[in-house]
Amino acid sequence: MISVQKAWDEIARVAPSGKIDTVALSDAAGRILAEPILAQHSQPPRDVSAMDGYGVRFEAIAEGQTQFTVIGEVAAGQVFDTAITSTQAVRIFTGAPVSPGVTHVIVQEDTERDDAKEVRARSGGGREEGGGGGRCHRVRRGDIRQPATVSGGTSPMSYFSFVASYSFASHPLF
């Protein structure tokens, strides 16, 4: 057990000084965010796949459907804007924009493709990975990241990377 004075000294050592400065992110190491970060735009700008697989409608999987007609293919950097029906699938690769109507991605390891046009999901339709039915986590415009600290009382550098990704060169810090 430490003395009351030692406890107060430790609190004073790690607590923000109360003085807030707008600091260049290149000088932010060891500092604490003084206010929340508000996302200025969505990142990525649209939903993308978190895995290689087949984009389908989740409702079809939930109803037990396992056979789908593949109507197209989309890789990262490409767009496939044709909406799918409940009997169709789109071959999708990691990082590719999710096509209209796709609400679930069946990971490729949970499928069998017999020919160029048909794909079958094994064991009830695959697994959801990364939350969101196989779609990458997305930061939407207006999302807020609250200030946080790591051991030692400073904000993690990942927060400053997040700030930088929204084209901020500086941010209010303690």
N, C-alpha and C. Protein backbone atom coordinates (compact mmCIF):
# COMPACT_ATOMS: atom_id res chain seq x y z
N MET A 1 0.85 -1.17 0.00
CA MET A 1 0.00 0.00 0.00
C MET A 1 0.89 1.24 0.00
N ILE A 2 0.46 2.27 -0.75
CA ILE A 2 1.25 3.50 -0.80
C ILE A 2 0.58 4.57 0.05
N SER A 3 1.34 5.57 0.39
CA SER A 3 0.79 6.65 1.22
C SER A 3 -0.16 7.51 0.39
N VAL A 4 -1.00 8.26 1.07
CA VAL A 4 -1.92 9.17 0.40
C VAL A 4 -1.14 10.17 -0.44
N GLN A 5 -0.05 10.69 0.10
CA GLN A 5 0.74 11.67 -0.66
C GLN A 5 1.31 11.05 -1.94
N LYS A 6 1.80 9.80 -1.83
CA LYS A 6 2.33 9.13 -3.03
C LYS A 6 1.22 8.93 -4.07
N ALA A 7 0.02 8.61 -3.61
CA ALA A 7 -1.12 8.44 -4.52
C ALA A 7 -1.43 9.75 -5.24
N TRP A 8 -1.47 10.86 -4.49
CA TRP A 8 -1.71 12.17 -5.10
C TRP A 8 -0.61 12.52 -6.08
N ASP A 9 0.62 12.21 -5.75
CA ASP A 9 1.75 12.48 -6.65
C ASP A 9 1.61 11.70 -7.96
N GLU A 10 1.18 10.45 -7.85
CA GLU A 10 1.00 9.62 -9.04
C GLU A 10 -0.14 10.16 -9.91
N ILE A 11 -1.23 10.56 -9.28
CA ILE A 11 -2.35 11.15 -10.03
C ILE A 11 -1.90 12.40 -10.75
N ALA A 12 -1.17 13.26 -10.08
CA ALA A 12 -0.68 14.49 -10.70
C ALA A 12 0.27 14.19 -11.86
N ARG A 13 1.02 13.10 -11.74
CA ARG A 13 1.97 12.75 -12.79
C ARG A 13 1.26 12.33 -14.09
N VAL A 14 0.15 11.58 -13.97
CA VAL A 14 -0.50 11.06 -15.16
C VAL A 14 -1.72 11.86 -15.61
N ALA A 15 -2.23 12.71 -14.76
CA ALA A 15 -3.42 13.50 -15.12
C ALA A 15 -3.07 14.62 -16.09
N PRO A 16 -4.00 14.92 -17.01
CA PRO A 16 -3.76 16.05 -17.91
C PRO A 16 -3.55 17.33 -17.11
N SER A 17 -2.77 18.22 -17.67
CA SER A 17 -2.43 19.46 -16.98
C SER A 17 -3.60 20.43 -16.93
N GLY A 18 -4.61 20.20 -17.77
CA GLY A 18 -5.71 21.15 -17.85
C GLY A 18 -5.51 22.13 -18.98
N LYS A 19 -4.28 22.29 -19.43
CA LYS A 19 -3.98 23.19 -20.54
C LYS A 19 -4.14 22.42 -21.84
N ILE A 20 -4.94 22.99 -22.74
CA ILE A 20 -5.17 22.34 -24.03
C ILE A 20 -4.46 23.14 -25.11
N ASP A 21 -3.71 22.41 -25.92
CA ASP A 21 -3.00 23.01 -27.06
C ASP A 21 -3.45 22.30 -28.33
N THR A 22 -3.53 23.03 -29.43
CA THR A 22 -3.72 22.38 -30.72
C THR A 22 -2.33 22.04 -31.22
N VAL A 23 -2.10 20.75 -31.37
CA VAL A 23 -0.76 20.23 -31.63
C VAL A 23 -0.74 19.48 -32.96
N ALA A 24 0.33 19.65 -33.71
CA ALA A 24 0.52 18.89 -34.95
C ALA A 24 0.57 17.41 -34.61
N LEU A 25 -0.04 16.59 -35.42
CA LEU A 25 -0.07 15.15 -35.14
C LEU A 25 1.33 14.56 -35.09
N SER A 26 2.26 15.13 -35.82
CA SER A 26 3.63 14.63 -35.78
C SER A 26 4.27 14.83 -34.40
N ASP A 27 3.68 15.71 -33.58
CA ASP A 27 4.18 15.97 -32.23
C ASP A 27 3.26 15.42 -31.15
N ALA A 28 2.34 14.52 -31.52
CA ALA A 28 1.30 14.08 -30.60
C ALA A 28 1.71 12.94 -29.67
N ALA A 29 2.80 12.26 -29.96
CA ALA A 29 3.20 11.12 -29.12
C ALA A 29 3.35 11.57 -27.67
N GLY A 30 2.77 10.77 -26.78
CA GLY A 30 2.87 11.07 -25.36
C GLY A 30 1.81 12.04 -24.87
N ARG A 31 0.92 12.50 -25.75
CA ARG A 31 -0.12 13.45 -25.37
C ARG A 31 -1.46 12.72 -25.23
N ILE A 32 -2.47 13.43 -24.75
CA ILE A 32 -3.81 12.88 -24.55
C ILE A 32 -4.80 13.71 -25.35
N LEU A 33 -5.70 13.03 -26.08
CA LEU A 33 -6.73 13.75 -26.81
C LEU A 33 -7.59 14.54 -25.83
N ALA A 34 -7.85 15.79 -26.14
CA ALA A 34 -8.63 16.65 -25.26
C ALA A 34 -10.11 16.64 -25.59
N GLU A 35 -10.45 16.20 -26.78
CA GLU A 35 -11.86 16.16 -27.17
C GLU A 35 -12.08 15.03 -28.16
N PRO A 36 -13.34 14.62 -28.32
CA PRO A 36 -13.63 13.52 -29.25
C PRO A 36 -13.24 13.87 -30.68
N ILE A 37 -13.04 12.82 -31.47
CA ILE A 37 -12.75 12.97 -32.89
C ILE A 37 -14.05 12.68 -33.63
N LEU A 38 -14.46 13.58 -34.50
CA LEU A 38 -15.67 13.42 -35.29
C LEU A 38 -15.27 13.08 -36.72
N ALA A 39 -15.69 11.91 -37.20
CA ALA A 39 -15.36 11.49 -38.57
C ALA A 39 -15.98 12.47 -39.57
N GLN A 40 -15.16 13.02 -40.44
CA GLN A 40 -15.62 14.00 -41.42
C GLN A 40 -16.17 13.35 -42.69
N HIS A 41 -15.82 12.08 -42.92
CA HIS A 41 -16.33 11.35 -44.08
C HIS A 41 -16.27 9.85 -43.75
N SER A 42 -16.96 9.05 -44.53
CA SER A 42 -16.98 7.61 -44.31
C SER A 42 -15.70 6.99 -44.84
N GLN A 43 -15.20 5.98 -44.10
CA GLN A 43 -13.97 5.31 -44.50
C GLN A 43 -14.11 3.82 -44.25
N PRO A 44 -14.05 2.94 -45.22
CA PRO A 44 -14.02 3.26 -46.64
C PRO A 44 -15.35 3.89 -47.06
N PRO A 45 -15.39 4.51 -48.25
CA PRO A 45 -16.58 5.23 -48.65
C PRO A 45 -17.82 4.36 -48.84
N ARG A 46 -17.64 3.07 -49.02
CA ARG A 46 -18.79 2.15 -49.09
C ARG A 46 -18.39 0.83 -48.46
N ASP A 47 -19.38 -0.01 -48.16
CA ASP A 47 -19.08 -1.31 -47.56
C ASP A 47 -18.21 -2.13 -48.50
N VAL A 48 -17.22 -2.82 -47.91
CA VAL A 48 -16.35 -3.70 -48.67
C VAL A 48 -16.30 -5.07 -48.00
N SER A 49 -15.91 -6.07 -48.77
CA SER A 49 -15.84 -7.42 -48.25
C SER A 49 -14.60 -7.60 -47.38
N ALA A 50 -14.76 -8.31 -46.28
CA ALA A 50 -13.65 -8.61 -45.38
C ALA A 50 -12.97 -9.93 -45.74
N MET A 51 -13.47 -10.60 -46.79
CA MET A 51 -12.92 -11.91 -47.13
C MET A 51 -13.24 -12.26 -48.58
N ASP A 52 -12.54 -13.26 -49.10
CA ASP A 52 -12.89 -13.83 -50.39
C ASP A 52 -14.08 -14.76 -50.18
N GLY A 53 -15.05 -14.68 -51.08
CA GLY A 53 -16.20 -15.56 -50.95
C GLY A 53 -17.27 -15.22 -51.96
N TYR A 54 -18.52 -15.39 -51.52
CA TYR A 54 -19.68 -15.15 -52.38
C TYR A 54 -20.67 -14.27 -51.64
N GLY A 55 -21.02 -13.16 -52.25
CA GLY A 55 -21.99 -12.25 -51.67
C GLY A 55 -23.40 -12.73 -51.99
N VAL A 56 -24.22 -12.84 -50.96
CA VAL A 56 -25.60 -13.31 -51.10
C VAL A 56 -26.50 -12.46 -50.21
N ARG A 57 -27.78 -12.73 -50.28
CA ARG A 57 -28.74 -12.10 -49.36
C ARG A 57 -28.83 -12.99 -48.11
N PHE A 58 -28.68 -12.39 -46.95
CA PHE A 58 -28.71 -13.16 -45.71
C PHE A 58 -30.06 -13.87 -45.53
N GLU A 59 -31.14 -13.23 -45.97
CA GLU A 59 -32.46 -13.84 -45.81
C GLU A 59 -32.51 -15.23 -46.47
N ALA A 60 -31.85 -15.38 -47.61
CA ALA A 60 -31.83 -16.67 -48.30
C ALA A 60 -31.12 -17.72 -47.46
N ILE A 61 -30.00 -17.36 -46.88
CA ILE A 61 -29.25 -18.27 -46.00
C ILE A 61 -30.11 -18.64 -44.80
N ALA A 62 -30.75 -17.64 -44.19
CA ALA A 62 -31.58 -17.87 -43.00
C ALA A 62 -32.74 -18.81 -43.29
N GLU A 63 -33.22 -18.79 -44.54
CA GLU A 63 -34.32 -19.67 -44.94
C GLU A 63 -33.83 -21.05 -45.38
N GLY A 64 -32.52 -21.28 -45.31
CA GLY A 64 -31.96 -22.59 -45.61
C GLY A 64 -31.47 -22.79 -47.03
N GLN A 65 -31.51 -21.76 -47.84
CA GLN A 65 -31.03 -21.90 -49.21
C GLN A 65 -29.53 -22.11 -49.22
N THR A 66 -29.07 -23.06 -50.05
CA THR A 66 -27.63 -23.33 -50.14
C THR A 66 -27.10 -23.25 -51.57
N GLN A 67 -27.97 -23.21 -52.56
CA GLN A 67 -27.55 -23.19 -53.97
C GLN A 67 -27.82 -21.81 -54.56
N PHE A 68 -26.77 -21.24 -55.21
CA PHE A 68 -26.89 -19.90 -55.79
C PHE A 68 -26.30 -19.87 -57.19
N THR A 69 -26.88 -19.05 -58.06
CA THR A 69 -26.34 -18.83 -59.40
C THR A 69 -25.41 -17.63 -59.33
N VAL A 70 -24.17 -17.82 -59.74
CA VAL A 70 -23.18 -16.74 -59.72
C VAL A 70 -23.40 -15.85 -60.95
N ILE A 71 -23.69 -14.57 -60.71
CA ILE A 71 -24.01 -13.67 -61.83
C ILE A 71 -22.90 -12.68 -62.14
N GLY A 72 -21.83 -12.70 -61.35
CA GLY A 72 -20.74 -11.78 -61.62
C GLY A 72 -19.61 -11.95 -60.63
N GLU A 73 -18.62 -11.11 -60.80
CA GLU A 73 -17.41 -11.17 -59.97
C GLU A 73 -16.92 -9.75 -59.74
N VAL A 74 -16.42 -9.49 -58.53
CA VAL A 74 -15.91 -8.16 -58.22
C VAL A 74 -14.66 -8.28 -57.35
N ALA A 75 -13.60 -7.61 -57.77
CA ALA A 75 -12.34 -7.58 -57.01
C ALA A 75 -12.14 -6.16 -56.46
N ALA A 76 -11.19 -6.02 -55.57
CA ALA A 76 -10.87 -4.70 -55.01
C ALA A 76 -10.56 -3.76 -56.17
N GLY A 77 -11.11 -2.56 -56.09
CA GLY A 77 -10.89 -1.57 -57.14
C GLY A 77 -11.90 -1.64 -58.26
N GLN A 78 -12.72 -2.69 -58.27
CA GLN A 78 -13.77 -2.82 -59.27
C GLN A 78 -15.13 -2.56 -58.64
N VAL A 79 -16.15 -2.45 -59.47
CA VAL A 79 -17.51 -2.27 -58.99
C VAL A 79 -18.40 -3.22 -59.78
N PHE A 80 -19.32 -3.88 -59.10
CA PHE A 80 -20.35 -4.70 -59.74
C PHE A 80 -21.67 -4.17 -59.20
N ASP A 81 -22.35 -3.33 -59.98
CA ASP A 81 -23.54 -2.62 -59.49
C ASP A 81 -24.86 -3.28 -59.84
N THR A 82 -24.84 -4.52 -60.28
CA THR A 82 -26.09 -5.23 -60.57
C THR A 82 -26.62 -5.82 -59.26
N ALA A 83 -27.86 -5.49 -58.93
CA ALA A 83 -28.46 -6.01 -57.70
C ALA A 83 -28.72 -7.51 -57.84
N ILE A 84 -28.48 -8.23 -56.75
CA ILE A 84 -28.73 -9.67 -56.76
C ILE A 84 -30.11 -9.98 -56.22
N THR A 85 -30.64 -11.14 -56.61
CA THR A 85 -31.89 -11.65 -56.05
C THR A 85 -31.52 -12.70 -55.00
N SER A 86 -32.55 -13.29 -54.38
CA SER A 86 -32.30 -14.27 -53.32
C SER A 86 -31.72 -15.58 -53.84
N THR A 87 -31.74 -15.80 -55.15
CA THR A 87 -31.19 -17.04 -55.71
C THR A 87 -29.83 -16.82 -56.37
N GLN A 88 -29.31 -15.61 -56.26
CA GLN A 88 -28.06 -15.27 -56.95
C GLN A 88 -26.95 -14.95 -55.96
N ALA A 89 -25.72 -15.02 -56.48
CA ALA A 89 -24.52 -14.68 -55.70
C ALA A 89 -23.56 -13.93 -56.60
N VAL A 90 -22.68 -13.18 -55.97
CA VAL A 90 -21.59 -12.48 -56.66
C VAL A 90 -20.29 -12.99 -56.07
N ARG A 91 -19.37 -13.44 -56.91
CA ARG A 91 -18.03 -13.83 -56.43
C ARG A 91 -17.34 -12.54 -56.02
N ILE A 92 -16.87 -12.47 -54.77
CA ILE A 92 -16.32 -11.23 -54.24
C ILE A 92 -14.97 -11.52 -53.58
N PHE A 93 -14.04 -10.58 -53.74
CA PHE A 93 -12.71 -10.73 -53.17
C PHE A 93 -12.49 -9.70 -52.06
N THR A 94 -11.58 -10.00 -51.18
CA THR A 94 -11.27 -9.12 -50.05
C THR A 94 -11.02 -7.69 -50.53
N GLY A 95 -11.71 -6.75 -49.90
CA GLY A 95 -11.54 -5.34 -50.22
C GLY A 95 -12.42 -4.83 -51.34
N ALA A 96 -13.16 -5.72 -51.99
CA ALA A 96 -14.03 -5.30 -53.08
C ALA A 96 -15.31 -4.66 -52.53
N PRO A 97 -15.84 -3.65 -53.22
CA PRO A 97 -17.11 -3.05 -52.79
C PRO A 97 -18.23 -4.09 -52.84
N VAL A 98 -19.08 -4.05 -51.83
CA VAL A 98 -20.21 -4.97 -51.74
C VAL A 98 -21.28 -4.52 -52.75
N SER A 99 -21.75 -5.45 -53.55
CA SER A 99 -22.74 -5.17 -54.59
C SER A 99 -24.12 -4.92 -53.99
N PRO A 100 -25.01 -4.23 -54.72
CA PRO A 100 -26.37 -3.99 -54.23
C PRO A 100 -27.09 -5.30 -53.92
N GLY A 101 -27.76 -5.35 -52.79
CA GLY A 101 -28.50 -6.55 -52.39
C GLY A 101 -27.69 -7.53 -51.57
N VAL A 102 -26.37 -7.43 -51.59
CA VAL A 102 -25.52 -8.34 -50.81
C VAL A 102 -25.56 -7.90 -49.35
N THR A 103 -26.00 -8.82 -48.49
CA THR A 103 -26.04 -8.53 -47.05
C THR A 103 -25.22 -9.53 -46.24
N HIS A 104 -24.59 -10.48 -46.94
CA HIS A 104 -23.80 -11.51 -46.26
C HIS A 104 -22.76 -12.05 -47.25
N VAL A 105 -21.57 -12.33 -46.76
CA VAL A 105 -20.54 -12.95 -47.60
C VAL A 105 -20.24 -14.32 -47.02
N ILE A 106 -20.42 -15.35 -47.85
CA ILE A 106 -20.06 -16.71 -47.45
C ILE A 106 -18.58 -16.88 -47.77
N VAL A 107 -17.78 -17.16 -46.77
CA VAL A 107 -16.34 -17.33 -46.97
C VAL A 107 -16.11 -18.48 -47.95
N GLN A 108 -15.17 -18.30 -48.86
CA GLN A 108 -14.98 -19.29 -49.94
C GLN A 108 -14.71 -20.70 -49.44
N GLU A 109 -14.06 -20.84 -48.29
CA GLU A 109 -13.76 -22.17 -47.75
C GLU A 109 -15.02 -22.94 -47.36
N ASP A 110 -16.14 -22.23 -47.22
CA ASP A 110 -17.41 -22.86 -46.85
C ASP A 110 -18.32 -23.06 -48.06
N THR A 111 -17.73 -23.09 -49.25
CA THR A 111 -18.53 -23.28 -50.47
C THR A 111 -17.92 -24.36 -51.35
N GLU A 112 -18.73 -24.83 -52.26
CA GLU A 112 -18.28 -25.74 -53.32
C GLU A 112 -18.81 -25.17 -54.62
N ARG A 113 -17.94 -25.06 -55.59
CA ARG A 113 -18.36 -24.54 -56.89
C ARG A 113 -18.16 -25.64 -57.92
N ASP A 114 -19.29 -26.16 -58.42
CA ASP A 114 -19.24 -27.29 -59.35
C ASP A 114 -18.93 -26.86 -60.78
N ASP A 115 -19.43 -25.73 -61.17
CA ASP A 115 -19.18 -25.24 -62.52
C ASP A 115 -19.06 -23.71 -62.47
N ALA A 116 -19.01 -23.10 -63.61
CA ALA A 116 -18.78 -21.66 -63.67
C ALA A 116 -19.96 -20.84 -63.17
N LYS A 117 -21.16 -21.43 -63.10
CA LYS A 117 -22.34 -20.64 -62.77
C LYS A 117 -23.01 -20.95 -61.44
N GLU A 118 -22.69 -22.06 -60.81
CA GLU A 118 -23.38 -22.46 -59.58
C GLU A 118 -22.40 -22.59 -58.42
N VAL A 119 -22.85 -22.13 -57.25
CA VAL A 119 -22.06 -22.30 -56.03
C VAL A 119 -23.00 -22.84 -54.95
N ARG A 120 -22.47 -23.72 -54.11
CA ARG A 120 -23.26 -24.30 -53.03
C ARG A 120 -22.57 -24.00 -51.70
N ALA A 121 -23.35 -23.50 -50.76
CA ALA A 121 -22.83 -23.24 -49.42
C ALA A 121 -22.92 -24.52 -48.61
N ARG A 122 -21.83 -24.84 -47.89
CA ARG A 122 -21.82 -26.01 -47.01
C ARG A 122 -22.30 -25.64 -45.62
N SER A 123 -22.77 -26.59 -44.89
CA SER A 123 -23.14 -26.47 -43.48
C SER A 123 -23.97 -25.23 -43.17
N GLY A 124 -25.04 -25.05 -43.90
CA GLY A 124 -26.00 -24.01 -43.57
C GLY A 124 -25.57 -22.61 -43.95
N GLY A 125 -24.62 -22.45 -44.82
CA GLY A 125 -24.36 -21.11 -45.34
C GLY A 125 -23.10 -20.45 -44.85
N GLY A 126 -22.20 -21.18 -44.30
CA GLY A 126 -20.93 -20.55 -43.94
C GLY A 126 -20.97 -19.86 -42.60
N ARG A 127 -19.96 -19.09 -42.36
CA ARG A 127 -19.84 -18.42 -41.07
C ARG A 127 -19.69 -16.92 -41.28
N GLU A 128 -20.13 -16.19 -40.30
CA GLU A 128 -19.92 -14.75 -40.36
C GLU A 128 -18.58 -14.45 -39.73
N GLU A 129 -17.77 -13.69 -40.42
CA GLU A 129 -16.47 -13.32 -39.87
C GLU A 129 -16.38 -11.81 -39.78
N GLY A 130 -15.74 -11.33 -38.73
CA GLY A 130 -15.52 -9.89 -38.59
C GLY A 130 -16.79 -9.11 -38.32
N GLY A 131 -17.86 -9.79 -37.93
CA GLY A 131 -19.11 -9.10 -37.72
C GLY A 131 -19.65 -8.58 -39.03
N GLY A 132 -20.88 -8.17 -39.06
CA GLY A 132 -21.44 -7.57 -40.25
C GLY A 132 -21.55 -8.52 -41.42
N GLY A 133 -21.60 -9.82 -41.18
CA GLY A 133 -21.81 -10.77 -42.26
C GLY A 133 -20.72 -10.78 -43.30
N GLY A 134 -19.48 -10.64 -42.88
CA GLY A 134 -18.36 -10.71 -43.81
C GLY A 134 -18.00 -9.40 -44.44
N ARG A 135 -18.59 -8.31 -43.96
CA ARG A 135 -18.25 -7.00 -44.48
C ARG A 135 -17.32 -6.31 -43.50
N CYS A 136 -16.38 -5.54 -44.01
CA CYS A 136 -15.40 -4.86 -43.16
C CYS A 136 -16.07 -3.83 -42.24
N HIS A 137 -15.48 -3.66 -41.07
CA HIS A 137 -15.91 -2.58 -40.19
C HIS A 137 -15.73 -1.27 -40.93
N ARG A 138 -16.67 -0.39 -40.78
CA ARG A 138 -16.65 0.86 -41.50
C ARG A 138 -16.90 2.00 -40.54
N VAL A 139 -16.15 3.06 -40.69
CA VAL A 139 -16.39 4.28 -39.94
C VAL A 139 -17.27 5.16 -40.81
N ARG A 140 -18.39 5.55 -40.28
CA ARG A 140 -19.31 6.38 -41.05
C ARG A 140 -19.17 7.85 -40.67
N ARG A 141 -19.43 8.71 -41.64
CA ARG A 141 -19.39 10.16 -41.40
C ARG A 141 -20.23 10.47 -40.17
N GLY A 142 -19.68 11.24 -39.26
CA GLY A 142 -20.39 11.60 -38.04
C GLY A 142 -20.09 10.70 -36.86
N ASP A 143 -19.45 9.54 -37.09
CA ASP A 143 -19.06 8.68 -35.97
C ASP A 143 -18.10 9.45 -35.06
N ILE A 144 -18.17 9.16 -33.79
CA ILE A 144 -17.33 9.84 -32.81
C ILE A 144 -16.40 8.84 -32.15
N ARG A 145 -15.15 9.18 -32.02
CA ARG A 145 -14.18 8.40 -31.26
C ARG A 145 -13.85 9.21 -30.02
N GLN A 146 -14.12 8.62 -28.89
CA GLN A 146 -13.87 9.31 -27.63
C GLN A 146 -12.39 9.27 -27.28
N PRO A 147 -11.91 10.28 -26.59
CA PRO A 147 -10.52 10.23 -26.13
C PRO A 147 -10.31 8.99 -25.25
N ALA A 148 -9.17 8.38 -25.39
CA ALA A 148 -8.83 7.20 -24.60
C ALA A 148 -7.37 7.27 -24.23
N THR A 149 -7.01 6.53 -23.22
CA THR A 149 -5.61 6.50 -22.81
C THR A 149 -5.13 5.07 -22.72
N VAL A 150 -3.84 4.89 -22.78
CA VAL A 150 -3.22 3.59 -22.59
C VAL A 150 -2.40 3.67 -21.32
N SER A 151 -1.77 2.58 -20.97
CA SER A 151 -0.93 2.56 -19.79
C SER A 151 0.06 3.73 -19.83
N GLY A 152 0.12 4.46 -18.78
CA GLY A 152 1.00 5.63 -18.74
C GLY A 152 0.23 6.92 -18.98
N GLY A 153 -1.08 6.80 -19.33
CA GLY A 153 -1.91 7.98 -19.41
C GLY A 153 -1.94 8.69 -20.76
N THR A 154 -1.31 8.15 -21.79
CA THR A 154 -1.31 8.84 -23.08
C THR A 154 -2.29 8.18 -24.05
N SER A 155 -2.71 8.92 -25.07
CA SER A 155 -3.59 8.35 -26.08
C SER A 155 -2.80 7.43 -27.00
N PRO A 156 -3.39 6.29 -27.39
CA PRO A 156 -2.67 5.39 -28.29
C PRO A 156 -2.44 6.05 -29.64
N MET A 157 -1.34 5.72 -30.28
CA MET A 157 -1.02 6.31 -31.59
C MET A 157 -2.08 5.99 -32.62
N SER A 158 -2.82 4.90 -32.44
CA SER A 158 -3.88 4.57 -33.40
C SER A 158 -4.93 5.68 -33.45
N TYR A 159 -5.16 6.36 -32.34
CA TYR A 159 -6.11 7.48 -32.35
C TYR A 159 -5.59 8.61 -33.22
N PHE A 160 -4.30 8.86 -33.17
CA PHE A 160 -3.74 9.93 -33.99
C PHE A 160 -3.74 9.53 -35.46
N SER A 161 -3.60 8.24 -35.73
CA SER A 161 -3.71 7.75 -37.12
C SER A 161 -5.13 7.97 -37.62
N PHE A 162 -6.11 7.72 -36.76
CA PHE A 162 -7.51 7.94 -37.12
C PHE A 162 -7.74 9.42 -37.43
N VAL A 163 -7.20 10.29 -36.60
CA VAL A 163 -7.34 11.74 -36.83
C VAL A 163 -6.71 12.09 -38.18
N ALA A 164 -5.54 11.58 -38.44
CA ALA A 164 -4.84 11.87 -39.70
C ALA A 164 -5.61 11.36 -40.91
N SER A 165 -6.30 10.22 -40.76
CA SER A 165 -7.04 9.66 -41.89
C SER A 165 -8.19 10.56 -42.33
N TYR A 166 -8.56 11.50 -41.50
CA TYR A 166 -9.60 12.46 -41.85
C TYR A 166 -9.02 13.81 -42.22
N SER A 167 -7.78 13.80 -42.63
CA SER A 167 -7.09 14.98 -43.17
C SER A 167 -6.89 16.10 -42.15
N PHE A 168 -6.91 15.75 -40.87
CA PHE A 168 -6.55 16.73 -39.84
C PHE A 168 -5.05 16.71 -39.67
N ALA A 169 -4.44 17.86 -39.66
CA ALA A 169 -2.99 17.94 -39.45
C ALA A 169 -2.68 18.16 -37.97
N SER A 170 -3.71 18.59 -37.22
CA SER A 170 -3.52 18.85 -35.79
C SER A 170 -4.83 18.56 -35.07
N HIS A 171 -4.75 18.52 -33.73
CA HIS A 171 -5.94 18.24 -32.93
C HIS A 171 -5.69 18.79 -31.53
N PRO A 172 -6.76 19.23 -30.83
CA PRO A 172 -6.58 19.68 -29.44
C PRO A 172 -6.13 18.54 -28.52
N LEU A 173 -5.04 18.78 -27.81
CA LEU A 173 -4.47 17.75 -26.92
C LEU A 173 -4.11 18.37 -25.57
N PHE A 174 -4.12 17.51 -24.56
CA PHE A 174 -3.58 17.90 -23.25
C PHE A 174 -2.09 17.69 -23.32
